Amino acid sequence: MPIAHELEYARPETIEEALGLLEKHGSGARPLAGGTDVVPAMRDGNLTPEIVIDLKAIPGLAGFTCDAGLVRLGALTTFTDIIESAAVLEHAPLLHEMAVTVASLGVRNRATVAGNICSAVPSCDSGTILLVYDASVHVVGPGGERAIPIADWFTGPKRTALGEAEIVTSVTLPVPSDWHGGAYVKLGRYGGEDLAQASVAVLALSDGSCRVAFGAVAATPVRAPKIEALLGSADLTDALIEDAKKLVSEETSPIADIRASREYREHMLPVMLERGLRAAARRRAGGGPAYGTRHI
């Protein structure tokens, strides 16, 4: 189905030019990175911008670096870029494990992490991973540059802290300096191109503590502070994991939708948490399955 409404298309070559277009057109402008969410929404008539601003010609927005304990993903970094990066697998392996679960090969070749979190659907794959890594989203606008902690980024379903005339330039992740392990557990209806029915990200740190985040089971991707506090730095015994599973209902509020019932999500989440905790702990200890292995 073609895009049925008329619109302008711009391909600025500088960030200043892009910001000028955003200021000029206001809410009628839509930045475009990979386009895997924007273009289908326009084709279906759910999004009707007066101008699309293609960011792909702007220098500095593509590529990524891993340096001095910080992974920087440019706004145009695709999921395929992440999958193919040996540096990402070494320094932030949870990004790799998440990226291989995203949609199809064709989508991964175009879709970007920045676009994924700008769409801000509760099931977005990047959200839980960035939460457990304590990432920051870097944006630029009329007021200059600012960094938004990922904990403050998601403000509701499909809503973010990004200002109307701002553009995401990069996402940064402070990588733990000591050895750590993690796991991304994604529940889907079938193998291939599907959004998560539910997801769990676990980051197990060298001091024994664990960070936990859930996706697709609340209005936004969410951290799990009660579970993290319970786990503390204690050994992950069977009894402790069972106690953590009992807290899942206090950290999440799943709904019923086209992908799963509320009851199914509530049943599966404790199972997913246990598998994520055990895989992350084994990896922290130097064993466990290779990153990219499905856990469910």
C-alpha atoms as a PDB file:
ATOM      1  CA  MET A   1       0.000   0.000   0.000  1.00  0.00           C
ATOM      2  CA  PRO A   2       1.483   3.384  -0.995  1.00  0.00           C
ATOM      3  CA  ILE A   3       1.608   6.489   1.206  1.00  0.00           C
ATOM      4  CA  ALA A   4      -1.625   8.262   0.335  1.00  0.00           C
ATOM      5  CA  HIS A   5      -1.023  11.812   1.534  1.00  0.00           C
ATOM      6  CA  GLU A   6       1.276  14.490   0.149  1.00  0.00           C
ATOM      7  CA  LEU A   7       4.369  15.457   2.101  1.00  0.00           C
ATOM      8  CA  GLU A   8       7.732  17.117   1.692  1.00  0.00           C
ATOM      9  CA  TYR A   9      10.983  15.190   1.919  1.00  0.00           C
ATOM     10  CA  ALA A  10      14.206  16.778   3.136  1.00  0.00           C
ATOM     11  CA  ARG A  11      17.686  15.293   3.480  1.00  0.00           C
ATOM     12  CA  PRO A  12      19.748  17.857   5.434  1.00  0.00           C
ATOM     13  CA  GLU A  13      23.530  17.547   5.518  1.00  0.00           C
ATOM     14  CA  THR A  14      24.073  19.242   8.882  1.00  0.00           C
ATOM     15  CA  ILE A  15      22.436  18.997  12.282  1.00  0.00           C
ATOM     16  CA  GLU A  16      21.801  22.746  12.177  1.00  0.00           C
ATOM     17  CA  GLU A  17      19.845  22.412   8.958  1.00  0.00           C
ATOM     18  CA  ALA A  18      17.769  19.579  10.436  1.00  0.00           C
ATOM     19  CA  LEU A  19      17.020  21.580  13.571  1.00  0.00           C
ATOM     20  CA  GLY A  20      15.963  24.548  11.448  1.00  0.00           C
ATOM     21  CA  LEU A  21      13.455  22.386   9.609  1.00  0.00           C
ATOM     22  CA  LEU A  22      12.107  21.025  12.884  1.00  0.00           C
ATOM     23  CA  GLU A  23      11.629  24.524  14.269  1.00  0.00           C
ATOM     24  CA  LYS A  24       9.972  25.715  11.075  1.00  0.00           C
ATOM     25  CA  HIS A  25       7.456  22.868  10.788  1.00  0.00           C
ATOM     26  CA  GLY A  26       6.940  22.052  14.472  1.00  0.00           C
ATOM     27  CA  SER A  27       4.654  19.090  15.098  1.00  0.00           C
ATOM     28  CA  GLY A  28       4.236  18.660  11.337  1.00  0.00           C
ATOM     29  CA  ALA A  29       7.825  17.437  10.990  1.00  0.00           C
ATOM     30  CA  ARG A  30       9.000  13.876  11.503  1.00  0.00           C
ATOM     31  CA  PRO A  31      12.697  12.910  11.679  1.00  0.00           C
ATOM     32  CA  LEU A  32      13.597   9.696   9.864  1.00  0.00           C
ATOM     33  CA  ALA A  33      16.455   7.352  10.788  1.00  0.00           C
ATOM     34  CA  GLY A  34      15.777   3.763   9.721  1.00  0.00           C
ATOM     35  CA  GLY A  35      12.108   4.367   8.995  1.00  0.00           C
ATOM     36  CA  THR A  36      10.905   0.921  10.023  1.00  0.00           C
ATOM     37  CA  ASP A  37       8.252   2.445  12.299  1.00  0.00           C
ATOM     38  CA  VAL A  38       7.662   5.788  10.586  1.00  0.00           C
ATOM     39  CA  VAL A  39       7.106   4.535   7.034  1.00  0.00           C
ATOM     40  CA  PRO A  40       4.544   1.814   7.912  1.00  0.00           C
ATOM     41  CA  ALA A  41       2.668   4.310  10.098  1.00  0.00           C
ATOM     42  CA  MET A  42       2.488   6.757   7.165  1.00  0.00           C
ATOM     43  CA  ARG A  43       1.472   4.010   4.787  1.00  0.00           C
ATOM     44  CA  ASP A  44      -1.373   2.958   7.114  1.00  0.00           C
ATOM     45  CA  GLY A  45      -2.521   6.553   7.559  1.00  0.00           C
ATOM     46  CA  ASN A  46      -1.751   6.616  11.292  1.00  0.00           C
ATOM     47  CA  LEU A  47       0.953   9.254  10.795  1.00  0.00           C
ATOM     48  CA  THR A  48       0.549  12.167   8.373  1.00  0.00           C
ATOM     49  CA  PRO A  49       3.519  14.558   8.687  1.00  0.00           C
ATOM     50  CA  GLU A  50       3.826  17.527   6.373  1.00  0.00           C
ATOM     51  CA  ILE A  51       7.577  16.913   6.054  1.00  0.00           C
ATOM     52  CA  VAL A  52       9.896  13.954   6.664  1.00  0.00           C
ATOM     53  CA  ILE A  53      13.462  14.899   7.619  1.00  0.00           C
ATOM     54  CA  ASP A  54      15.870  12.132   6.618  1.00  0.00           C
ATOM     55  CA  LEU A  55      18.876  12.216   8.968  1.00  0.00           C
ATOM     56  CA  LYS A  56      21.105   9.729   7.133  1.00  0.00           C
ATOM     57  CA  ALA A  57      23.296  12.326   5.380  1.00  0.00           C
ATOM     58  CA  ILE A  58      24.328  14.088   8.608  1.00  0.00           C
ATOM     59  CA  PRO A  59      27.937  13.318   9.624  1.00  0.00           C
ATOM     60  CA  GLY A  60      28.548  12.007  13.128  1.00  0.00           C
ATOM     61  CA  LEU A  61      25.206  10.266  13.619  1.00  0.00           C
ATOM     62  CA  ALA A  62      26.340   6.914  12.227  1.00  0.00           C
ATOM     63  CA  GLY A  63      28.680   4.406  13.817  1.00  0.00           C
ATOM     64  CA  PHE A  64      29.618   3.564  17.360  1.00  0.00           C
ATOM     65  CA  THR A  65      32.628   3.509  19.652  1.00  0.00           C
ATOM     66  CA  CYS A  66      33.684   1.482  22.688  1.00  0.00           C
ATOM     67  CA  ASP A  67      36.212   3.463  24.677  1.00  0.00           C
ATOM     68  CA  ALA A  68      37.129   4.237  28.289  1.00  0.00           C
ATOM     69  CA  GLY A  69      34.298   2.197  29.725  1.00  0.00           C
ATOM     70  CA  LEU A  70      31.672   3.863  27.562  1.00  0.00           C
ATOM     71  CA  VAL A  71      29.826   2.440  24.571  1.00  0.00           C
ATOM     72  CA  ARG A  72      28.451   5.151  22.281  1.00  0.00           C
ATOM     73  CA  LEU A  73      25.828   4.258  19.695  1.00  0.00           C
ATOM     74  CA  GLY A  74      25.229   6.935  17.086  1.00  0.00           C
ATOM     75  CA  ALA A  75      21.590   7.619  16.324  1.00  0.00           C
ATOM     76  CA  LEU A  76      21.883   5.850  12.959  1.00  0.00           C
ATOM     77  CA  THR A  77      23.460   2.659  14.382  1.00  0.00           C
ATOM     78  CA  THR A  78      21.372  -0.284  13.184  1.00  0.00           C
ATOM     79  CA  PHE A  79      20.705  -3.571  14.911  1.00  0.00           C
ATOM     80  CA  THR A  80      22.787  -5.299  12.249  1.00  0.00           C
ATOM     81  CA  ASP A  81      25.700  -2.969  13.080  1.00  0.00           C
ATOM     82  CA  ILE A  82      25.423  -4.132  16.688  1.00  0.00           C
ATOM     83  CA  ILE A  83      25.215  -7.816  15.788  1.00  0.00           C
ATOM     84  CA  GLU A  84      28.288  -7.630  13.554  1.00  0.00           C
ATOM     85  CA  SER A  85      30.439  -5.695  16.046  1.00  0.00           C
ATOM     86  CA  ALA A  86      33.031  -7.730  17.923  1.00  0.00           C
ATOM     87  CA  ALA A  87      33.576  -4.736  20.215  1.00  0.00           C
ATOM     88  CA  VAL A  88      29.910  -4.642  21.252  1.00  0.00           C
ATOM     89  CA  LEU A  89      29.956  -8.386  21.938  1.00  0.00           C
ATOM     90  CA  GLU A  90      33.032  -7.922  24.112  1.00  0.00           C
ATOM     91  CA  HIS A  91      32.007  -4.829  26.061  1.00  0.00           C
ATOM     92  CA  ALA A  92      28.181  -4.822  26.063  1.00  0.00           C
ATOM     93  CA  PRO A  93      27.118  -8.360  25.118  1.00  0.00           C
ATOM     94  CA  LEU A  94      23.510  -7.845  26.188  1.00  0.00           C
ATOM     95  CA  LEU A  95      23.128  -5.431  23.267  1.00  0.00           C
ATOM     96  CA  HIS A  96      24.149  -8.242  20.948  1.00  0.00           C
ATOM     97  CA  GLU A  97      21.783 -10.749  22.581  1.00  0.00           C
ATOM     98  CA  MET A  98      18.893  -8.318  22.253  1.00  0.00           C
ATOM     99  CA  ALA A  99      19.692  -7.272  18.683  1.00  0.00           C
ATOM    100  CA  VAL A 100      19.545 -10.805  17.265  1.00  0.00           C
ATOM    101  CA  THR A 101      15.927 -11.121  18.458  1.00  0.00           C
ATOM    102  CA  VAL A 102      14.690  -8.003  16.653  1.00  0.00           C
ATOM    103  CA  ALA A 103      12.246  -8.596  13.821  1.00  0.00           C
ATOM    104  CA  SER A 104      13.719  -9.902  10.547  1.00  0.00           C
ATOM    105  CA  LEU A 105      17.064  -9.509   8.779  1.00  0.00           C
ATOM    106  CA  GLY A 106      15.651  -6.836   6.499  1.00  0.00           C
ATOM    107  CA  VAL A 107      14.304  -4.824   9.423  1.00  0.00           C
ATOM    108  CA  ARG A 108      17.528  -5.183  11.422  1.00  0.00           C
ATOM    109  CA  ASN A 109      19.479  -3.829   8.461  1.00  0.00           C
ATOM    110  CA  ARG A 110      17.555  -0.528   8.670  1.00  0.00           C
ATOM    111  CA  ALA A 111      16.093  -0.200  12.175  1.00  0.00           C
ATOM    112  CA  THR A 112      18.097   1.771  14.738  1.00  0.00           C
ATOM    113  CA  VAL A 113      18.306   1.643  18.518  1.00  0.00           C
ATOM    114  CA  ALA A 114      17.556   5.384  18.648  1.00  0.00           C
ATOM    115  CA  GLY A 115      14.453   4.952  16.511  1.00  0.00           C
ATOM    116  CA  ASN A 116      13.365   1.996  18.627  1.00  0.00           C
ATOM    117  CA  ILE A 117      13.341   4.024  21.840  1.00  0.00           C
ATOM    118  CA  CYS A 118      11.827   7.067  20.114  1.00  0.00           C
ATOM    119  CA  SER A 119       8.866   4.912  19.063  1.00  0.00           C
ATOM    120  CA  ALA A 120       8.621   4.037  22.773  1.00  0.00           C
ATOM    121  CA  VAL A 121       6.194   1.159  22.498  1.00  0.00           C
ATOM    122  CA  PRO A 122       6.173  -0.790  25.785  1.00  0.00           C
ATOM    123  CA  SER A 123       7.528  -3.873  23.995  1.00  0.00           C
ATOM    124  CA  CYS A 124      10.534  -2.132  22.402  1.00  0.00           C
ATOM    125  CA  ASP A 125      13.496  -4.499  22.644  1.00  0.00           C
ATOM    126  CA  SER A 126      16.108  -1.832  23.358  1.00  0.00           C
ATOM    127  CA  GLY A 127      14.322  -0.380  26.367  1.00  0.00           C
ATOM    128  CA  THR A 128      15.023  -3.085  28.942  1.00  0.00           C
ATOM    129  CA  ILE A 129      18.674  -3.442  27.892  1.00  0.00           C
ATOM    130  CA  LEU A 130      19.365   0.278  28.122  1.00  0.00           C
ATOM    131  CA  LEU A 131      17.661   0.389  31.523  1.00  0.00           C
ATOM    132  CA  VAL A 132      19.908  -2.263  33.088  1.00  0.00           C
ATOM    133  CA  TYR A 133      23.000  -0.593  31.587  1.00  0.00           C
ATOM    134  CA  ASP A 134      21.915   2.804  33.032  1.00  0.00           C
ATOM    135  CA  ALA A 135      22.197   4.368  29.576  1.00  0.00           C
ATOM    136  CA  SER A 136      21.780   8.025  28.637  1.00  0.00           C
ATOM    137  CA  VAL A 137      20.079   9.448  25.536  1.00  0.00           C
ATOM    138  CA  HIS A 138      21.894  12.443  24.046  1.00  0.00           C
ATOM    139  CA  VAL A 139      19.784  15.006  22.208  1.00  0.00           C
ATOM    140  CA  VAL A 140      20.284  18.392  20.603  1.00  0.00           C
ATOM    141  CA  GLY A 141      17.779  21.162  20.089  1.00  0.00           C
ATOM    142  CA  PRO A 142      17.309  24.932  20.132  1.00  0.00           C
ATOM    143  CA  GLY A 143      18.553  25.037  23.719  1.00  0.00           C
ATOM    144  CA  GLY A 144      21.729  23.115  22.914  1.00  0.00           C
ATOM    145  CA  GLU A 145      22.733  19.606  23.908  1.00  0.00           C
ATOM    146  CA  ARG A 146      21.498  17.607  26.865  1.00  0.00           C
ATOM    147  CA  ALA A 147      21.692  14.054  28.171  1.00  0.00           C
ATOM    148  CA  ILE A 148      18.522  12.327  29.385  1.00  0.00           C
ATOM    149  CA  PRO A 149      18.934   9.304  31.695  1.00  0.00           C
ATOM    150  CA  ILE A 150      17.106   6.335  30.217  1.00  0.00           C
ATOM    151  CA  ALA A 151      15.202   6.053  33.508  1.00  0.00           C
ATOM    152  CA  ASP A 152      13.567   9.406  32.618  1.00  0.00           C
ATOM    153  CA  TRP A 153      13.206   8.799  28.888  1.00  0.00           C
ATOM    154  CA  PHE A 154       9.962   6.810  28.676  1.00  0.00           C
ATOM    155  CA  THR A 155       7.035   8.902  29.888  1.00  0.00           C
ATOM    156  CA  GLY A 156       4.184   6.679  28.688  1.00  0.00           C
ATOM    157  CA  PRO A 157       3.137   4.404  25.821  1.00  0.00           C
ATOM    158  CA  LYS A 158       4.689   5.906  22.667  1.00  0.00           C
ATOM    159  CA  ARG A 159       5.751   8.995  24.648  1.00  0.00           C
ATOM    160  CA  THR A 160       9.237  10.178  25.572  1.00  0.00           C
ATOM    161  CA  ALA A 161      11.072  13.099  27.159  1.00  0.00           C
ATOM    162  CA  LEU A 162      12.278  14.269  23.717  1.00  0.00           C
ATOM    163  CA  GLY A 163      11.319  17.867  22.991  1.00  0.00           C
ATOM    164  CA  GLU A 164       9.361  18.741  19.841  1.00  0.00           C
ATOM    165  CA  ALA A 165      12.322  20.429  18.133  1.00  0.00           C
ATOM    166  CA  GLU A 166      15.007  18.043  19.418  1.00  0.00           C
ATOM    167  CA  ILE A 167      16.904  15.251  17.677  1.00  0.00           C
ATOM    168  CA  VAL A 168      18.549  12.219  19.248  1.00  0.00           C
ATOM    169  CA  THR A 169      22.246  12.164  18.364  1.00  0.00           C
ATOM    170  CA  SER A 170      23.483   9.144  20.329  1.00  0.00           C
ATOM    171  CA  VAL A 171      22.951   6.720  23.173  1.00  0.00           C
ATOM    172  CA  THR A 172      25.742   5.969  25.647  1.00  0.00           C
ATOM    173  CA  LEU A 173      26.132   3.018  28.003  1.00  0.00           C
ATOM    174  CA  PRO A 174      28.600   3.021  30.901  1.00  0.00           C
ATOM    175  CA  VAL A 175      30.044  -0.487  30.741  1.00  0.00           C
ATOM    176  CA  PRO A 176      30.913  -2.141  34.079  1.00  0.00           C
ATOM    177  CA  SER A 177      34.691  -2.169  34.456  1.00  0.00           C
ATOM    178  CA  ASP A 178      34.721  -5.605  36.067  1.00  0.00           C
ATOM    179  CA  TRP A 179      33.533  -8.897  34.624  1.00  0.00           C
ATOM    180  CA  HIS A 180      29.777  -9.159  34.371  1.00  0.00           C
ATOM    181  CA  GLY A 181      27.126 -11.345  32.788  1.00  0.00           C
ATOM    182  CA  GLY A 182      23.660 -10.746  31.465  1.00  0.00           C
ATOM    183  CA  ALA A 183      20.687 -12.298  29.746  1.00  0.00           C
ATOM    184  CA  TYR A 184      17.810 -11.100  27.593  1.00  0.00           C
ATOM    185  CA  VAL A 185      14.745 -13.324  27.686  1.00  0.00           C
ATOM    186  CA  LYS A 186      12.156 -12.520  25.029  1.00  0.00           C
ATOM    187  CA  LEU A 187       8.822 -14.303  24.770  1.00  0.00           C
ATOM    188  CA  GLY A 188       7.257 -14.315  21.315  1.00  0.00           C
ATOM    189  CA  ARG A 189       4.482 -16.133  19.514  1.00  0.00           C
ATOM    190  CA  TYR A 190       6.805 -17.620  16.913  1.00  0.00           C
ATOM    191  CA  GLY A 191      10.341 -17.407  15.581  1.00  0.00           C
ATOM    192  CA  GLY A 192      10.924 -14.499  13.236  1.00  0.00           C
ATOM    193  CA  GLU A 193       9.424 -11.041  12.976  1.00  0.00           C
ATOM    194  CA  ASP A 194       7.350 -10.530  16.099  1.00  0.00           C
ATOM    195  CA  LEU A 195       7.105  -8.049  18.952  1.00  0.00           C
ATOM    196  CA  ALA A 196       7.672  -9.315  22.479  1.00  0.00           C
ATOM    197  CA  GLN A 197       4.753 -10.698  24.435  1.00  0.00           C
ATOM    198  CA  ALA A 198       7.003 -10.035  27.418  1.00  0.00           C
ATOM    199  CA  SER A 199      10.726  -9.527  27.974  1.00  0.00           C
ATOM    200  CA  VAL A 200      13.199  -9.589  30.853  1.00  0.00           C
ATOM    201  CA  ALA A 201      16.735  -8.203  30.943  1.00  0.00           C
ATOM    202  CA  VAL A 202      19.176  -9.149  33.699  1.00  0.00           C
ATOM    203  CA  LEU A 203      22.649  -7.710  34.281  1.00  0.00           C
ATOM    204  CA  ALA A 204      24.679  -9.586  36.917  1.00  0.00           C
ATOM    205  CA  LEU A 205      27.592  -7.494  38.223  1.00  0.00           C
ATOM    206  CA  SER A 206      30.880  -8.589  39.752  1.00  0.00           C
ATOM    207  CA  ASP A 207      29.866  -7.431  43.253  1.00  0.00           C
ATOM    208  CA  GLY A 208      27.072 -10.020  43.233  1.00  0.00           C
ATOM    209  CA  SER A 209      24.253  -7.566  42.578  1.00  0.00           C
ATOM    210  CA  CYS A 210      21.787  -7.842  39.711  1.00  0.00           C
ATOM    211  CA  ARG A 211      19.848  -5.271  37.709  1.00  0.00           C
ATOM    212  CA  VAL A 212      16.494  -6.375  36.327  1.00  0.00           C
ATOM    213  CA  ALA A 213      14.107  -4.752  33.832  1.00  0.00           C
ATOM    214  CA  PHE A 214      10.850  -5.852  32.226  1.00  0.00           C
ATOM    215  CA  GLY A 215       9.315  -4.997  28.849  1.00  0.00           C
ATOM    216  CA  ALA A 216       5.811  -5.293  27.363  1.00  0.00           C
ATOM    217  CA  VAL A 217       4.235  -5.738  30.803  1.00  0.00           C
ATOM    218  CA  ALA A 218       3.727  -2.121  31.909  1.00  0.00           C
ATOM    219  CA  ALA A 219       3.026   1.243  30.298  1.00  0.00           C
ATOM    220  CA  THR A 220       6.754   1.566  29.598  1.00  0.00           C
ATOM    221  CA  PRO A 221       9.825  -0.654  29.960  1.00  0.00           C
ATOM    222  CA  VAL A 222      10.539  -0.680  33.708  1.00  0.00           C
ATOM    223  CA  ARG A 223      13.328  -1.479  36.174  1.00  0.00           C
ATOM    224  CA  ALA A 224      12.471  -3.807  39.075  1.00  0.00           C
ATOM    225  CA  PRO A 225      13.769  -2.098  42.249  1.00  0.00           C
ATOM    226  CA  LYS A 226      12.037  -4.448  44.699  1.00  0.00           C
ATOM    227  CA  ILE A 227      13.539  -7.518  43.044  1.00  0.00           C
ATOM    228  CA  GLU A 228      16.965  -5.872  42.849  1.00  0.00           C
ATOM    229  CA  ALA A 229      16.825  -4.959  46.546  1.00  0.00           C
ATOM    230  CA  LEU A 230      15.811  -8.482  47.509  1.00  0.00           C
ATOM    231  CA  LEU A 231      18.631 -10.035  45.510  1.00  0.00           C
ATOM    232  CA  GLY A 232      21.195  -7.593  46.893  1.00  0.00           C
ATOM    233  CA  SER A 233      24.671  -9.117  46.620  1.00  0.00           C
ATOM    234  CA  ALA A 234      23.633 -12.527  47.949  1.00  0.00           C
ATOM    235  CA  ASP A 235      24.260 -15.823  46.209  1.00  0.00           C
ATOM    236  CA  LEU A 236      21.481 -16.727  43.791  1.00  0.00           C
ATOM    237  CA  THR A 237      20.172 -19.727  45.672  1.00  0.00           C
ATOM    238  CA  ASP A 238      17.041 -21.584  44.627  1.00  0.00           C
ATOM    239  CA  ALA A 239      15.206 -20.137  47.630  1.00  0.00           C
ATOM    240  CA  LEU A 240      16.229 -16.557  46.785  1.00  0.00           C
ATOM    241  CA  ILE A 241      15.148 -16.951  43.172  1.00  0.00           C
ATOM    242  CA  GLU A 242      11.785 -18.282  44.323  1.00  0.00           C
ATOM    243  CA  ASP A 243      11.347 -15.244  46.570  1.00  0.00           C
ATOM    244  CA  ALA A 244      12.271 -12.948  43.662  1.00  0.00           C
ATOM    245  CA  LYS A 245       9.670 -14.604  41.445  1.00  0.00           C
ATOM    246  CA  LYS A 246       6.984 -13.786  44.000  1.00  0.00           C
ATOM    247  CA  LEU A 247       7.730 -10.072  43.589  1.00  0.00           C
ATOM    248  CA  VAL A 248       7.162 -10.018  39.816  1.00  0.00           C
ATOM    249  CA  SER A 249       3.476  -9.156  40.261  1.00  0.00           C
ATOM    250  CA  GLU A 250       4.478  -6.076  42.287  1.00  0.00           C
ATOM    251  CA  GLU A 251       6.868  -4.811  39.577  1.00  0.00           C
ATOM    252  CA  THR A 252       4.676  -5.342  36.510  1.00  0.00           C
ATOM    253  CA  SER A 253       1.106  -4.674  35.379  1.00  0.00           C
ATOM    254  CA  PRO A 254       0.523  -6.674  32.184  1.00  0.00           C
ATOM    255  CA  ILE A 255      -2.551  -6.181  30.031  1.00  0.00           C
ATOM    256  CA  ALA A 256      -4.339  -8.386  27.511  1.00  0.00           C
ATOM    257  CA  ASP A 257      -3.807  -7.513  23.843  1.00  0.00           C
ATOM    258  CA  ILE A 258      -3.565  -9.143  20.443  1.00  0.00           C
ATOM    259  CA  ARG A 259      -0.257 -10.843  21.350  1.00  0.00           C
ATOM    260  CA  ALA A 260      -1.110 -12.412  24.717  1.00  0.00           C
ATOM    261  CA  SER A 261      -3.569 -12.481  27.575  1.00  0.00           C
ATOM    262  CA  ARG A 262      -2.812 -10.866  30.920  1.00  0.00           C
ATOM    263  CA  GLU A 263      -2.941 -14.286  32.596  1.00  0.00           C
ATOM    264  CA  TYR A 264      -0.412 -15.791  30.185  1.00  0.00           C
ATOM    265  CA  ARG A 265       2.027 -12.957  30.752  1.00  0.00           C
ATOM    266  CA  GLU A 266       1.601 -13.243  34.520  1.00  0.00           C
ATOM    267  CA  HIS A 267       2.287 -16.962  34.321  1.00  0.00           C
ATOM    268  CA  MET A 268       5.355 -16.671  32.102  1.00  0.00           C
ATOM    269  CA  LEU A 269       7.133 -13.718  33.742  1.00  0.00           C
ATOM    270  CA  PRO A 270       8.408 -15.602  36.824  1.00  0.00           C
ATOM    271  CA  VAL A 271       9.664 -18.386  34.562  1.00  0.00           C
ATOM    272  CA  MET A 272      11.470 -15.854  32.379  1.00  0.00           C
ATOM    273  CA  LEU A 273      12.976 -14.094  35.394  1.00  0.00           C
ATOM    274  CA  GLU A 274      14.371 -17.347  36.751  1.00  0.00           C
ATOM    275  CA  ARG A 275      15.915 -18.302  33.413  1.00  0.00           C
ATOM    276  CA  GLY A 276      17.395 -14.841  33.007  1.00  0.00           C
ATOM    277  CA  LEU A 277      18.891 -14.808  36.503  1.00  0.00           C
ATOM    278  CA  ARG A 278      20.420 -18.264  36.136  1.00  0.00           C
ATOM    279  CA  ALA A 279      21.885 -17.555  32.679  1.00  0.00           C
ATOM    280  CA  ALA A 280      23.302 -14.191  33.787  1.00  0.00           C
ATOM    281  CA  ALA A 281      24.869 -15.722  36.910  1.00  0.00           C
ATOM    282  CA  ARG A 282      26.501 -18.513  34.896  1.00  0.00           C
ATOM    283  CA  ARG A 283      27.880 -16.021  32.416  1.00  0.00           C
ATOM    284  CA  ARG A 284      29.185 -13.826  35.232  1.00  0.00           C
ATOM    285  CA  ALA A 285      31.059 -16.875  36.484  1.00  0.00           C
ATOM    286  CA  GLY A 286      32.642 -17.399  33.066  1.00  0.00           C
ATOM    287  CA  GLY A 287      30.321 -20.137  31.802  1.00  0.00           C
ATOM    288  CA  GLY A 288      26.772 -20.360  30.553  1.00  0.00           C
ATOM    289  CA  PRO A 289      25.398 -20.300  27.020  1.00  0.00           C
ATOM    290  CA  ALA A 290      26.906 -18.154  24.293  1.00  0.00           C
ATOM    291  CA  TYR A 291      25.370 -14.700  23.919  1.00  0.00           C
ATOM    292  CA  GLY A 292      22.609 -14.814  21.344  1.00  0.00           C
ATOM    293  CA  THR A 293      21.224 -18.105  22.661  1.00  0.00           C
ATOM    294  CA  ARG A 294      17.477 -18.029  23.229  1.00  0.00           C
ATOM    295  CA  HIS A 295      16.429 -18.744  26.796  1.00  0.00           C
ATOM    296  CA  ILE A 296      12.784 -19.592  26.171  1.00  0.00           C
END
